[in-house]
Amino acid sequence: GEFMVALKFDDENFGQDIFYFCHIHQYMTGRIKLLKDDGSGNIEQLSTSDFPAIPYKYDDPSFFDDLCGTYNLAEYVLPHNECPERFVCDVPPGDANLNVFARCIEAMDCAMVSGMTNYVSAQSEMALFIHQMIPHHQNAVNMAKALMKANTLNCDDLSSETPDCVMEGILMEIANGQNAQIQAMRAILKSKNYPAEDKCERRIRSRKLKSSPGI
């Protein structure tokens, strides 16, 4: 939801925008507009132009990603010709929320399987490791975010040692730590002139599994 934060900026000669930048989560720069109160209750925006421009567009989550709390999974919803028919078996049909979460997990697993199917164009063990590990990390981050979005953990105090609070701390550590590692690995690929991705497509034929109801 919407919220407001007040910050006192005491340089009278500065009227440009300032920016929020996160070194852990990529593409999350935020523009901050400076406002000035003239003392009589009138609020003036110091800069009406969006300068300098942010050099990328924010992602617009798909309906599926919005439902799951994840990123970039819509194209991996099963069935998918690079993935088994099912990753999660025998989900109780009467539990609607668990069925949704299971479908989210299956799309994550399919994205990871697809992403970890690679060429070795760089002819480098390091490059192959990174091309495999980034989708693995992305899957872990999506899993953590999806469980947080499911809102099934009961934790009012993260310093508590209850199982739910310990689990919530683990989820936050996964999202923050592995996102930072993804950025570091991408930087290594770039610095060594290795391809950013090296994905190949391999269709599979899976044995028939019991299917869980769709969402």
N, C-alpha and C. Protein backbone atom coordinates (compact mmCIF):
# COMPACT_ATOMS: atom_id res chain seq x y z
N GLY A 1 0.80 -1.20 0.00
CA GLY A 1 0.00 0.00 0.00
C GLY A 1 0.83 1.25 0.00
N GLU A 2 0.19 2.40 -0.05
CA GLU A 2 0.90 3.67 -0.07
C GLU A 2 1.39 4.03 1.33
N PHE A 3 2.53 4.73 1.37
CA PHE A 3 3.05 5.20 2.65
C PHE A 3 3.86 6.46 2.39
N MET A 4 4.18 7.18 3.44
CA MET A 4 4.93 8.42 3.31
C MET A 4 6.04 8.46 4.35
N VAL A 5 7.21 8.94 3.93
CA VAL A 5 8.34 9.12 4.83
C VAL A 5 8.83 10.56 4.69
N ALA A 6 9.06 11.24 5.80
CA ALA A 6 9.55 12.62 5.77
C ALA A 6 11.04 12.61 6.08
N LEU A 7 11.82 13.29 5.25
CA LEU A 7 13.26 13.39 5.42
C LEU A 7 13.66 14.86 5.32
N LYS A 8 14.38 15.35 6.31
CA LYS A 8 14.84 16.73 6.27
C LYS A 8 16.11 16.84 5.44
N PHE A 9 16.04 17.64 4.38
CA PHE A 9 17.18 17.83 3.48
C PHE A 9 17.56 19.31 3.57
N ASP A 10 18.69 19.61 4.21
CA ASP A 10 18.97 21.00 4.63
C ASP A 10 19.94 21.74 3.72
N ASP A 11 20.04 21.33 2.44
CA ASP A 11 20.86 22.07 1.49
C ASP A 11 19.94 22.94 0.64
N GLU A 12 19.86 24.22 0.95
CA GLU A 12 18.95 25.13 0.27
C GLU A 12 19.30 25.33 -1.20
N ASN A 13 20.53 25.04 -1.58
CA ASN A 13 20.96 25.28 -2.96
C ASN A 13 20.76 24.07 -3.87
N PHE A 14 20.21 23.00 -3.31
CA PHE A 14 20.02 21.77 -4.10
C PHE A 14 18.54 21.56 -4.36
N GLY A 15 18.18 21.41 -5.62
CA GLY A 15 16.77 21.24 -5.96
C GLY A 15 16.50 20.09 -6.90
N GLN A 16 17.48 19.25 -7.13
CA GLN A 16 17.30 18.13 -8.05
C GLN A 16 16.73 16.91 -7.31
N ASP A 17 16.41 15.89 -8.08
CA ASP A 17 15.93 14.65 -7.49
C ASP A 17 17.11 13.90 -6.85
N ILE A 18 16.80 13.14 -5.83
CA ILE A 18 17.79 12.21 -5.27
C ILE A 18 17.23 10.80 -5.45
N PHE A 19 18.06 9.79 -5.21
CA PHE A 19 17.67 8.43 -5.56
C PHE A 19 17.96 7.45 -4.44
N TYR A 20 17.08 6.48 -4.33
CA TYR A 20 17.30 5.33 -3.49
C TYR A 20 17.95 4.25 -4.35
N PHE A 21 18.98 3.60 -3.83
CA PHE A 21 19.65 2.53 -4.57
C PHE A 21 19.90 1.36 -3.64
N CYS A 22 19.59 0.16 -4.11
CA CYS A 22 19.80 -1.05 -3.32
C CYS A 22 20.91 -1.87 -3.97
N HIS A 23 21.95 -2.19 -3.21
CA HIS A 23 23.06 -2.97 -3.76
C HIS A 23 22.78 -4.47 -3.73
N ILE A 24 21.66 -4.86 -3.14
CA ILE A 24 21.30 -6.27 -3.06
C ILE A 24 20.30 -6.64 -4.15
N HIS A 25 19.31 -5.80 -4.38
CA HIS A 25 18.26 -6.10 -5.34
C HIS A 25 18.44 -5.24 -6.58
N GLN A 26 18.66 -5.90 -7.72
CA GLN A 26 18.92 -5.19 -8.97
C GLN A 26 17.64 -4.56 -9.51
N TYR A 27 17.80 -3.44 -10.21
CA TYR A 27 16.70 -2.74 -10.87
C TYR A 27 15.63 -2.28 -9.89
N MET A 28 16.06 -1.79 -8.75
CA MET A 28 15.11 -1.27 -7.76
C MET A 28 15.43 0.17 -7.36
N THR A 29 16.06 0.92 -8.26
CA THR A 29 16.32 2.33 -7.97
C THR A 29 14.99 3.06 -7.81
N GLY A 30 14.92 3.95 -6.84
CA GLY A 30 13.71 4.75 -6.62
C GLY A 30 14.02 6.24 -6.68
N ARG A 31 13.19 6.98 -7.38
CA ARG A 31 13.35 8.44 -7.47
C ARG A 31 12.69 9.10 -6.27
N ILE A 32 13.38 10.07 -5.67
CA ILE A 32 12.86 10.81 -4.52
C ILE A 32 12.74 12.28 -4.90
N LYS A 33 11.53 12.81 -4.84
CA LYS A 33 11.26 14.21 -5.15
C LYS A 33 11.37 15.05 -3.87
N LEU A 34 12.13 16.13 -3.93
CA LEU A 34 12.27 17.02 -2.78
C LEU A 34 11.13 18.04 -2.78
N LEU A 35 10.55 18.24 -1.61
CA LEU A 35 9.46 19.19 -1.43
C LEU A 35 9.90 20.30 -0.48
N LYS A 36 9.35 21.48 -0.67
CA LYS A 36 9.69 22.60 0.20
C LYS A 36 8.42 23.24 0.74
N ASP A 37 8.39 23.43 2.06
CA ASP A 37 7.27 24.08 2.73
C ASP A 37 7.63 25.56 2.89
N ASP A 38 6.79 26.43 2.34
CA ASP A 38 7.12 27.87 2.40
C ASP A 38 6.78 28.49 3.76
N GLY A 39 6.35 27.68 4.70
CA GLY A 39 6.05 28.18 6.03
C GLY A 39 4.59 28.49 6.26
N SER A 40 3.82 28.57 5.20
CA SER A 40 2.39 28.87 5.33
C SER A 40 1.53 27.68 4.97
N GLY A 41 2.16 26.53 4.87
CA GLY A 41 1.41 25.32 4.55
C GLY A 41 1.40 24.97 3.08
N ASN A 42 1.99 25.83 2.23
CA ASN A 42 2.07 25.53 0.80
C ASN A 42 3.31 24.67 0.53
N ILE A 43 3.10 23.54 -0.15
CA ILE A 43 4.18 22.61 -0.45
C ILE A 43 4.56 22.76 -1.92
N GLU A 44 5.83 22.99 -2.15
CA GLU A 44 6.34 23.16 -3.51
C GLU A 44 7.28 22.00 -3.86
N GLN A 45 7.07 21.42 -5.02
CA GLN A 45 7.97 20.39 -5.52
C GLN A 45 9.13 21.08 -6.22
N LEU A 46 10.37 20.82 -5.78
CA LEU A 46 11.51 21.58 -6.27
C LEU A 46 11.86 21.25 -7.72
N SER A 47 11.64 20.03 -8.14
CA SER A 47 11.95 19.66 -9.53
C SER A 47 10.75 18.95 -10.13
N THR A 48 10.24 19.49 -11.23
CA THR A 48 9.08 18.88 -11.88
C THR A 48 9.49 17.88 -12.96
N SER A 49 10.73 17.95 -13.39
CA SER A 49 11.20 17.02 -14.43
C SER A 49 11.83 15.79 -13.79
N ASP A 50 11.74 14.68 -14.47
CA ASP A 50 12.36 13.44 -13.99
C ASP A 50 13.76 13.32 -14.59
N PHE A 51 14.68 14.07 -13.97
CA PHE A 51 16.06 14.10 -14.47
C PHE A 51 17.02 13.91 -13.29
N PRO A 52 18.05 13.09 -13.49
CA PRO A 52 18.31 12.26 -14.67
C PRO A 52 17.35 11.09 -14.77
N ALA A 53 17.20 10.57 -15.98
CA ALA A 53 16.28 9.47 -16.21
C ALA A 53 16.82 8.18 -15.61
N ILE A 54 15.94 7.33 -15.10
CA ILE A 54 16.32 5.97 -14.69
C ILE A 54 16.43 5.14 -15.96
N PRO A 55 17.57 4.50 -16.22
CA PRO A 55 17.81 3.89 -17.53
C PRO A 55 17.16 2.53 -17.75
N TYR A 56 16.07 2.25 -17.08
CA TYR A 56 15.34 1.00 -17.31
C TYR A 56 13.92 1.19 -16.81
N LYS A 57 13.03 0.33 -17.27
CA LYS A 57 11.64 0.36 -16.84
C LYS A 57 11.44 -0.65 -15.72
N TYR A 58 10.55 -0.31 -14.82
CA TYR A 58 10.21 -1.25 -13.76
C TYR A 58 9.41 -2.42 -14.35
N ASP A 59 9.63 -3.59 -13.78
CA ASP A 59 8.89 -4.75 -14.24
C ASP A 59 7.42 -4.65 -13.84
N ASP A 60 6.57 -5.12 -14.73
CA ASP A 60 5.14 -5.19 -14.46
C ASP A 60 4.80 -6.66 -14.26
N PRO A 61 4.61 -7.11 -13.02
CA PRO A 61 4.40 -8.55 -12.78
C PRO A 61 3.18 -9.09 -13.52
N SER A 62 3.30 -10.31 -14.00
CA SER A 62 2.16 -10.99 -14.60
C SER A 62 1.14 -11.32 -13.52
N PHE A 63 -0.05 -11.71 -13.95
CA PHE A 63 -1.07 -12.12 -12.98
C PHE A 63 -0.55 -13.27 -12.12
N PHE A 64 0.13 -14.22 -12.76
CA PHE A 64 0.62 -15.39 -12.03
C PHE A 64 1.69 -14.99 -11.02
N ASP A 65 2.65 -14.14 -11.43
CA ASP A 65 3.69 -13.70 -10.50
C ASP A 65 3.10 -12.89 -9.36
N ASP A 66 2.10 -12.08 -9.66
CA ASP A 66 1.45 -11.30 -8.60
C ASP A 66 0.76 -12.23 -7.61
N LEU A 67 0.17 -13.30 -8.13
CA LEU A 67 -0.50 -14.28 -7.27
C LEU A 67 0.51 -14.99 -6.37
N CYS A 68 1.67 -15.34 -6.93
CA CYS A 68 2.67 -16.13 -6.21
C CYS A 68 3.64 -15.28 -5.39
N GLY A 69 3.77 -13.99 -5.75
CA GLY A 69 4.79 -13.16 -5.11
C GLY A 69 6.16 -13.37 -5.70
N THR A 70 6.22 -13.76 -6.98
CA THR A 70 7.47 -14.18 -7.61
C THR A 70 7.82 -13.30 -8.79
N TYR A 71 8.88 -13.69 -9.52
CA TYR A 71 9.36 -12.92 -10.67
C TYR A 71 9.57 -13.83 -11.87
N ASN A 72 8.98 -13.45 -13.01
CA ASN A 72 9.31 -14.03 -14.31
C ASN A 72 8.98 -15.52 -14.41
N LEU A 73 7.83 -15.92 -13.88
CA LEU A 73 7.47 -17.33 -13.92
C LEU A 73 6.32 -17.66 -14.86
N ALA A 74 5.64 -16.67 -15.40
CA ALA A 74 4.41 -16.93 -16.15
C ALA A 74 4.62 -17.91 -17.30
N GLU A 75 5.75 -17.82 -17.97
CA GLU A 75 5.96 -18.70 -19.14
C GLU A 75 6.34 -20.12 -18.73
N TYR A 76 6.52 -20.37 -17.44
CA TYR A 76 6.92 -21.70 -16.98
C TYR A 76 5.81 -22.44 -16.25
N VAL A 77 4.60 -21.91 -16.30
CA VAL A 77 3.47 -22.62 -15.70
C VAL A 77 3.27 -23.92 -16.46
N LEU A 78 3.13 -25.01 -15.73
CA LEU A 78 2.94 -26.32 -16.37
C LEU A 78 1.56 -26.40 -17.03
N PRO A 79 1.46 -27.10 -18.16
CA PRO A 79 2.48 -27.93 -18.80
C PRO A 79 3.49 -27.09 -19.60
N HIS A 80 4.72 -27.58 -19.65
CA HIS A 80 5.81 -26.91 -20.36
C HIS A 80 6.67 -28.00 -21.00
N ASN A 81 7.03 -27.79 -22.25
CA ASN A 81 7.68 -28.91 -22.96
C ASN A 81 9.13 -29.16 -22.57
N GLU A 82 9.68 -28.35 -21.65
CA GLU A 82 11.01 -28.65 -21.13
C GLU A 82 10.97 -29.27 -19.74
N CYS A 83 9.76 -29.53 -19.23
CA CYS A 83 9.62 -29.94 -17.83
C CYS A 83 8.71 -31.16 -17.70
N PRO A 84 8.86 -31.90 -16.58
CA PRO A 84 7.95 -33.02 -16.32
C PRO A 84 6.51 -32.54 -16.21
N GLU A 85 5.62 -33.51 -16.24
CA GLU A 85 4.20 -33.18 -16.13
C GLU A 85 3.87 -32.58 -14.77
N ARG A 86 4.55 -33.03 -13.74
CA ARG A 86 4.33 -32.54 -12.38
C ARG A 86 5.63 -32.56 -11.60
N PHE A 87 5.79 -31.59 -10.69
CA PHE A 87 6.87 -31.62 -9.69
C PHE A 87 6.31 -31.92 -8.30
N VAL A 88 5.04 -31.58 -8.07
CA VAL A 88 4.40 -31.80 -6.77
C VAL A 88 3.24 -32.76 -6.98
N CYS A 89 3.24 -33.84 -6.24
CA CYS A 89 2.25 -34.90 -6.45
C CYS A 89 1.22 -34.95 -5.32
N ASP A 90 0.02 -35.36 -5.67
CA ASP A 90 -1.04 -35.67 -4.69
C ASP A 90 -1.35 -34.51 -3.75
N VAL A 91 -1.52 -33.33 -4.30
CA VAL A 91 -1.93 -32.18 -3.48
C VAL A 91 -3.40 -32.37 -3.11
N PRO A 92 -3.76 -32.23 -1.82
CA PRO A 92 -5.17 -32.43 -1.43
C PRO A 92 -6.10 -31.49 -2.21
N PRO A 93 -7.07 -32.03 -2.92
CA PRO A 93 -7.91 -31.18 -3.78
C PRO A 93 -8.75 -30.17 -3.00
N GLY A 94 -9.02 -30.45 -1.73
CA GLY A 94 -9.87 -29.54 -0.97
C GLY A 94 -9.15 -28.35 -0.38
N ASP A 95 -7.82 -28.28 -0.51
CA ASP A 95 -7.04 -27.18 0.08
C ASP A 95 -6.67 -26.20 -1.04
N ALA A 96 -7.49 -25.18 -1.23
CA ALA A 96 -7.30 -24.25 -2.35
C ALA A 96 -5.98 -23.50 -2.24
N ASN A 97 -5.64 -23.04 -1.05
CA ASN A 97 -4.41 -22.25 -0.89
C ASN A 97 -3.17 -23.11 -1.15
N LEU A 98 -3.18 -24.34 -0.67
CA LEU A 98 -2.05 -25.23 -0.90
C LEU A 98 -1.93 -25.58 -2.38
N ASN A 99 -3.05 -25.70 -3.08
CA ASN A 99 -3.02 -25.95 -4.51
C ASN A 99 -2.39 -24.79 -5.26
N VAL A 100 -2.72 -23.58 -4.88
CA VAL A 100 -2.11 -22.40 -5.50
C VAL A 100 -0.60 -22.40 -5.25
N PHE A 101 -0.21 -22.63 -4.00
CA PHE A 101 1.22 -22.62 -3.66
C PHE A 101 1.96 -23.72 -4.42
N ALA A 102 1.34 -24.89 -4.56
CA ALA A 102 1.97 -25.98 -5.30
C ALA A 102 2.17 -25.62 -6.76
N ARG A 103 1.18 -24.97 -7.36
CA ARG A 103 1.34 -24.54 -8.76
C ARG A 103 2.46 -23.51 -8.90
N CYS A 104 2.58 -22.64 -7.91
CA CYS A 104 3.68 -21.67 -7.92
C CYS A 104 5.03 -22.39 -7.84
N ILE A 105 5.13 -23.36 -6.93
CA ILE A 105 6.37 -24.12 -6.77
C ILE A 105 6.71 -24.85 -8.06
N GLU A 106 5.73 -25.43 -8.72
CA GLU A 106 5.98 -26.16 -9.95
C GLU A 106 6.52 -25.24 -11.05
N ALA A 107 5.98 -24.04 -11.16
CA ALA A 107 6.50 -23.09 -12.15
C ALA A 107 7.93 -22.69 -11.83
N MET A 108 8.24 -22.50 -10.53
CA MET A 108 9.62 -22.19 -10.14
C MET A 108 10.57 -23.32 -10.53
N ASP A 109 10.17 -24.56 -10.23
CA ASP A 109 11.03 -25.70 -10.53
C ASP A 109 11.24 -25.84 -12.04
N CYS A 110 10.18 -25.60 -12.80
CA CYS A 110 10.31 -25.67 -14.26
C CYS A 110 11.25 -24.59 -14.77
N ALA A 111 11.15 -23.38 -14.22
CA ALA A 111 12.06 -22.30 -14.62
C ALA A 111 13.50 -22.67 -14.31
N MET A 112 13.72 -23.32 -13.17
CA MET A 112 15.08 -23.70 -12.80
C MET A 112 15.61 -24.79 -13.72
N VAL A 113 14.79 -25.80 -14.00
CA VAL A 113 15.22 -26.87 -14.91
C VAL A 113 15.57 -26.30 -16.27
N SER A 114 14.71 -25.42 -16.77
CA SER A 114 14.96 -24.80 -18.07
C SER A 114 16.23 -23.95 -18.04
N GLY A 115 16.37 -23.15 -17.00
CA GLY A 115 17.53 -22.25 -16.90
C GLY A 115 18.84 -22.97 -16.69
N MET A 116 18.78 -24.17 -16.08
CA MET A 116 20.00 -24.93 -15.80
C MET A 116 20.33 -25.92 -16.91
N THR A 117 19.69 -25.77 -18.05
CA THR A 117 20.00 -26.57 -19.24
C THR A 117 20.83 -25.70 -20.16
N ASN A 118 22.14 -25.91 -20.18
CA ASN A 118 23.08 -24.94 -20.77
C ASN A 118 24.02 -25.55 -21.80
N TYR A 119 24.48 -24.67 -22.69
CA TYR A 119 25.65 -24.96 -23.51
C TYR A 119 26.91 -24.70 -22.67
N VAL A 120 28.07 -24.93 -23.26
CA VAL A 120 29.34 -24.59 -22.62
C VAL A 120 30.13 -23.73 -23.61
N SER A 121 29.46 -22.69 -24.12
CA SER A 121 30.06 -21.87 -25.16
C SER A 121 31.35 -21.20 -24.72
N ALA A 122 31.45 -20.83 -23.43
CA ALA A 122 32.63 -20.14 -22.93
C ALA A 122 33.81 -21.09 -22.71
N GLN A 123 33.53 -22.41 -22.77
CA GLN A 123 34.57 -23.41 -22.53
C GLN A 123 35.29 -23.14 -21.21
N SER A 124 34.49 -22.89 -20.18
CA SER A 124 35.03 -22.52 -18.88
C SER A 124 34.21 -23.18 -17.78
N GLU A 125 34.91 -23.82 -16.83
CA GLU A 125 34.22 -24.40 -15.69
C GLU A 125 33.52 -23.32 -14.87
N MET A 126 34.18 -22.18 -14.71
CA MET A 126 33.57 -21.10 -13.93
C MET A 126 32.28 -20.61 -14.58
N ALA A 127 32.33 -20.40 -15.90
CA ALA A 127 31.15 -19.91 -16.60
C ALA A 127 30.01 -20.92 -16.50
N LEU A 128 30.31 -22.19 -16.67
CA LEU A 128 29.27 -23.22 -16.56
C LEU A 128 28.68 -23.24 -15.16
N PHE A 129 29.54 -23.13 -14.15
CA PHE A 129 29.06 -23.08 -12.76
C PHE A 129 28.08 -21.92 -12.58
N ILE A 130 28.46 -20.73 -13.06
CA ILE A 130 27.61 -19.55 -12.87
C ILE A 130 26.32 -19.68 -13.65
N HIS A 131 26.41 -20.17 -14.90
CA HIS A 131 25.19 -20.32 -15.70
C HIS A 131 24.23 -21.33 -15.06
N GLN A 132 24.76 -22.29 -14.31
CA GLN A 132 23.91 -23.22 -13.58
C GLN A 132 23.42 -22.63 -12.26
N MET A 133 24.28 -21.90 -11.58
CA MET A 133 23.97 -21.45 -10.23
C MET A 133 22.98 -20.28 -10.21
N ILE A 134 23.03 -19.39 -11.19
CA ILE A 134 22.10 -18.26 -11.18
C ILE A 134 20.64 -18.73 -11.21
N PRO A 135 20.24 -19.64 -12.12
CA PRO A 135 18.85 -20.12 -12.06
C PRO A 135 18.53 -20.84 -10.75
N HIS A 136 19.52 -21.52 -10.18
CA HIS A 136 19.33 -22.19 -8.90
C HIS A 136 19.04 -21.17 -7.80
N HIS A 137 19.82 -20.11 -7.77
CA HIS A 137 19.60 -19.03 -6.80
C HIS A 137 18.25 -18.34 -7.04
N GLN A 138 17.93 -18.07 -8.31
CA GLN A 138 16.66 -17.41 -8.62
C GLN A 138 15.49 -18.24 -8.14
N ASN A 139 15.60 -19.56 -8.25
CA ASN A 139 14.55 -20.42 -7.76
C ASN A 139 14.42 -20.32 -6.24
N ALA A 140 15.56 -20.30 -5.55
CA ALA A 140 15.52 -20.17 -4.09
C ALA A 140 14.87 -18.86 -3.66
N VAL A 141 15.21 -17.78 -4.35
CA VAL A 141 14.62 -16.47 -4.01
C VAL A 141 13.12 -16.49 -4.27
N ASN A 142 12.70 -17.03 -5.41
CA ASN A 142 11.27 -17.11 -5.70
C ASN A 142 10.54 -17.97 -4.68
N MET A 143 11.15 -19.08 -4.28
CA MET A 143 10.52 -19.94 -3.27
C MET A 143 10.34 -19.19 -1.95
N ALA A 144 11.38 -18.45 -1.56
CA ALA A 144 11.30 -17.70 -0.30
C ALA A 144 10.21 -16.64 -0.38
N LYS A 145 10.16 -15.91 -1.49
CA LYS A 145 9.16 -14.85 -1.64
C LYS A 145 7.75 -15.43 -1.68
N ALA A 146 7.60 -16.60 -2.32
CA ALA A 146 6.28 -17.21 -2.42
C ALA A 146 5.77 -17.64 -1.05
N LEU A 147 6.66 -18.20 -0.22
CA LEU A 147 6.22 -18.61 1.11
C LEU A 147 5.87 -17.39 1.96
N MET A 148 6.62 -16.31 1.80
CA MET A 148 6.26 -15.08 2.52
C MET A 148 4.90 -14.56 2.04
N LYS A 149 4.67 -14.62 0.72
CA LYS A 149 3.40 -14.14 0.16
C LYS A 149 2.23 -15.02 0.63
N ALA A 150 2.50 -16.30 0.85
CA ALA A 150 1.43 -17.21 1.29
C ALA A 150 0.87 -16.82 2.65
N ASN A 151 1.66 -16.09 3.45
CA ASN A 151 1.20 -15.53 4.72
C ASN A 151 0.71 -16.63 5.68
N THR A 152 1.47 -17.71 5.73
CA THR A 152 1.11 -18.81 6.64
C THR A 152 1.99 -18.87 7.88
N LEU A 153 3.03 -18.02 7.93
CA LEU A 153 3.91 -18.00 9.09
C LEU A 153 3.38 -16.99 10.10
N ASN A 154 3.38 -17.39 11.35
CA ASN A 154 2.87 -16.52 12.42
C ASN A 154 4.05 -16.03 13.25
N CYS A 155 4.54 -14.83 12.93
CA CYS A 155 5.71 -14.29 13.63
C CYS A 155 5.54 -12.79 13.82
N ASP A 156 5.42 -12.38 15.06
CA ASP A 156 5.32 -10.95 15.38
C ASP A 156 6.66 -10.36 15.81
N ASP A 157 7.64 -11.20 16.10
CA ASP A 157 8.93 -10.73 16.59
C ASP A 157 10.03 -11.61 16.02
N LEU A 158 10.79 -11.09 15.05
CA LEU A 158 11.80 -11.90 14.37
C LEU A 158 12.90 -12.37 15.31
N SER A 159 13.05 -11.73 16.46
CA SER A 159 14.07 -12.17 17.42
C SER A 159 13.62 -13.39 18.21
N SER A 160 12.35 -13.77 18.04
CA SER A 160 11.83 -14.93 18.75
C SER A 160 12.41 -16.21 18.16
N GLU A 161 12.50 -17.26 18.98
CA GLU A 161 13.04 -18.54 18.54
C GLU A 161 11.95 -19.53 18.14
N THR A 162 10.73 -19.05 17.92
CA THR A 162 9.68 -19.96 17.48
C THR A 162 9.99 -20.45 16.07
N PRO A 163 9.50 -21.64 15.71
CA PRO A 163 9.77 -22.18 14.37
C PRO A 163 9.37 -21.22 13.25
N ASP A 164 8.21 -20.58 13.38
CA ASP A 164 7.76 -19.67 12.33
C ASP A 164 8.70 -18.47 12.19
N CYS A 165 9.17 -17.93 13.31
CA CYS A 165 10.07 -16.77 13.25
C CYS A 165 11.44 -17.17 12.71
N VAL A 166 11.93 -18.33 13.10
CA VAL A 166 13.20 -18.81 12.55
C VAL A 166 13.06 -18.98 11.04
N MET A 167 11.93 -19.55 10.60
CA MET A 167 11.71 -19.76 9.17
C MET A 167 11.63 -18.44 8.43
N GLU A 168 10.95 -17.46 9.00
CA GLU A 168 10.84 -16.16 8.33
C GLU A 168 12.21 -15.50 8.21
N GLY A 169 13.04 -15.64 9.23
CA GLY A 169 14.40 -15.11 9.13
C GLY A 169 15.19 -15.79 8.03
N ILE A 170 15.02 -17.10 7.90
CA ILE A 170 15.70 -17.84 6.83
C ILE A 170 15.25 -17.33 5.46
N LEU A 171 13.96 -17.11 5.30
CA LEU A 171 13.43 -16.63 4.01
C LEU A 171 14.04 -15.27 3.65
N MET A 172 14.13 -14.38 4.63
CA MET A 172 14.73 -13.07 4.36
C MET A 172 16.20 -13.18 4.00
N GLU A 173 16.91 -14.06 4.70
CA GLU A 173 18.33 -14.27 4.40
C GLU A 173 18.52 -14.83 2.99
N ILE A 174 17.65 -15.75 2.59
CA ILE A 174 17.74 -16.30 1.23
C ILE A 174 17.53 -15.20 0.19
N ALA A 175 16.46 -14.43 0.36
CA ALA A 175 16.14 -13.40 -0.63
C ALA A 175 17.25 -12.36 -0.72
N ASN A 176 17.75 -11.90 0.40
CA ASN A 176 18.78 -10.87 0.39
C ASN A 176 20.14 -11.41 -0.04
N GLY A 177 20.55 -12.51 0.58
CA GLY A 177 21.88 -13.05 0.31
C GLY A 177 22.04 -13.58 -1.09
N GLN A 178 21.06 -14.36 -1.56
CA GLN A 178 21.22 -14.98 -2.88
C GLN A 178 20.99 -13.98 -4.00
N ASN A 179 20.17 -12.96 -3.78
CA ASN A 179 20.07 -11.89 -4.78
C ASN A 179 21.41 -11.17 -4.94
N ALA A 180 22.08 -10.91 -3.83
CA ALA A 180 23.39 -10.25 -3.90
C ALA A 180 24.39 -11.14 -4.63
N GLN A 181 24.35 -12.44 -4.39
CA GLN A 181 25.26 -13.35 -5.07
C GLN A 181 24.97 -13.44 -6.56
N ILE A 182 23.69 -13.37 -6.94
CA ILE A 182 23.34 -13.36 -8.37
C ILE A 182 23.98 -12.16 -9.05
N GLN A 183 23.88 -10.99 -8.43
CA GLN A 183 24.49 -9.79 -9.03
C GLN A 183 26.00 -9.94 -9.12
N ALA A 184 26.62 -10.51 -8.09
CA ALA A 184 28.07 -10.69 -8.11
C ALA A 184 28.48 -11.64 -9.23
N MET A 185 27.74 -12.72 -9.41
CA MET A 185 28.07 -13.67 -10.46
C MET A 185 27.86 -13.08 -11.85
N ARG A 186 26.81 -12.28 -12.02
CA ARG A 186 26.60 -11.62 -13.31
C ARG A 186 27.75 -10.66 -13.62
N ALA A 187 28.24 -9.99 -12.59
CA ALA A 187 29.37 -9.07 -12.78
C ALA A 187 30.63 -9.84 -13.20
N ILE A 188 30.83 -11.04 -12.64
CA ILE A 188 31.98 -11.86 -13.02
C ILE A 188 31.88 -12.27 -14.48
N LEU A 189 30.69 -12.72 -14.91
CA LEU A 189 30.51 -13.08 -16.32
C LEU A 189 30.86 -11.91 -17.24
N LYS A 190 30.38 -10.73 -16.88
CA LYS A 190 30.63 -9.55 -17.71
C LYS A 190 32.11 -9.20 -17.73
N SER A 191 32.77 -9.25 -16.57
CA SER A 191 34.18 -8.86 -16.49
C SER A 191 35.08 -9.80 -17.27
N LYS A 192 34.66 -11.06 -17.43
CA LYS A 192 35.47 -12.04 -18.15
C LYS A 192 34.98 -12.27 -19.58
N ASN A 193 34.05 -11.41 -20.01
CA ASN A 193 33.50 -11.48 -21.37
C ASN A 193 32.85 -12.83 -21.68
N TYR A 194 32.25 -13.44 -20.66
CA TYR A 194 31.48 -14.64 -20.87
C TYR A 194 30.03 -14.25 -21.19
N PRO A 195 29.29 -15.08 -21.91
CA PRO A 195 27.89 -14.73 -22.21
C PRO A 195 27.07 -14.62 -20.92
N ALA A 196 26.16 -13.67 -20.91
CA ALA A 196 25.32 -13.48 -19.72
C ALA A 196 24.46 -14.71 -19.47
N GLU A 197 24.01 -15.37 -20.52
CA GLU A 197 23.26 -16.62 -20.42
C GLU A 197 23.78 -17.55 -21.51
N ASP A 198 23.58 -18.84 -21.33
CA ASP A 198 24.06 -19.81 -22.33
C ASP A 198 23.09 -20.98 -22.39
N LYS A 199 21.81 -20.63 -22.47
CA LYS A 199 20.74 -21.62 -22.34
C LYS A 199 20.54 -22.38 -23.64
N CYS A 200 20.31 -23.69 -23.52
CA CYS A 200 19.85 -24.49 -24.66
C CYS A 200 18.52 -25.12 -24.28
N GLU A 201 17.74 -25.45 -25.27
CA GLU A 201 16.41 -26.03 -25.03
C GLU A 201 16.42 -27.51 -25.33
N ARG A 202 15.96 -28.31 -24.36
CA ARG A 202 15.84 -29.74 -24.55
C ARG A 202 14.44 -30.17 -24.12
N ARG A 203 13.67 -30.64 -25.05
CA ARG A 203 12.33 -31.12 -24.72
C ARG A 203 12.43 -32.48 -24.06
N ILE A 204 11.55 -32.75 -23.14
CA ILE A 204 11.58 -34.03 -22.44
C ILE A 204 10.24 -34.72 -22.57
N ARG A 205 10.26 -36.03 -22.41
CA ARG A 205 9.03 -36.82 -22.35
C ARG A 205 9.01 -37.48 -20.98
N SER A 206 8.08 -37.08 -20.12
CA SER A 206 8.08 -37.59 -18.75
C SER A 206 7.13 -38.77 -18.62
N ARG A 207 7.39 -39.61 -17.62
CA ARG A 207 6.43 -40.66 -17.30
C ARG A 207 5.21 -40.02 -16.68
N LYS A 208 4.09 -40.67 -16.80
CA LYS A 208 2.83 -40.10 -16.35
C LYS A 208 2.77 -40.07 -14.83
N LEU A 209 2.50 -38.86 -14.29
CA LEU A 209 2.34 -38.71 -12.84
C LEU A 209 0.91 -38.32 -12.54
N LYS A 210 0.50 -38.56 -11.31
CA LYS A 210 -0.82 -38.06 -10.89
C LYS A 210 -0.81 -36.55 -10.92
N SER A 211 -1.85 -35.97 -11.42
CA SER A 211 -1.90 -34.51 -11.53
C SER A 211 -2.71 -33.94 -10.38
N SER A 212 -2.30 -32.74 -9.96
CA SER A 212 -3.07 -32.02 -8.94
C SER A 212 -3.99 -31.04 -9.64
N PRO A 213 -5.11 -30.67 -9.05
CA PRO A 213 -6.06 -29.77 -9.69
C PRO A 213 -5.40 -28.43 -10.01
N GLY A 214 -5.85 -27.84 -11.08
CA GLY A 214 -5.29 -26.54 -11.49
C GLY A 214 -5.86 -25.40 -10.68
N ILE A 215 -5.37 -24.19 -10.99
CA ILE A 215 -5.90 -23.01 -10.31
C ILE A 215 -6.49 -22.09 -11.35
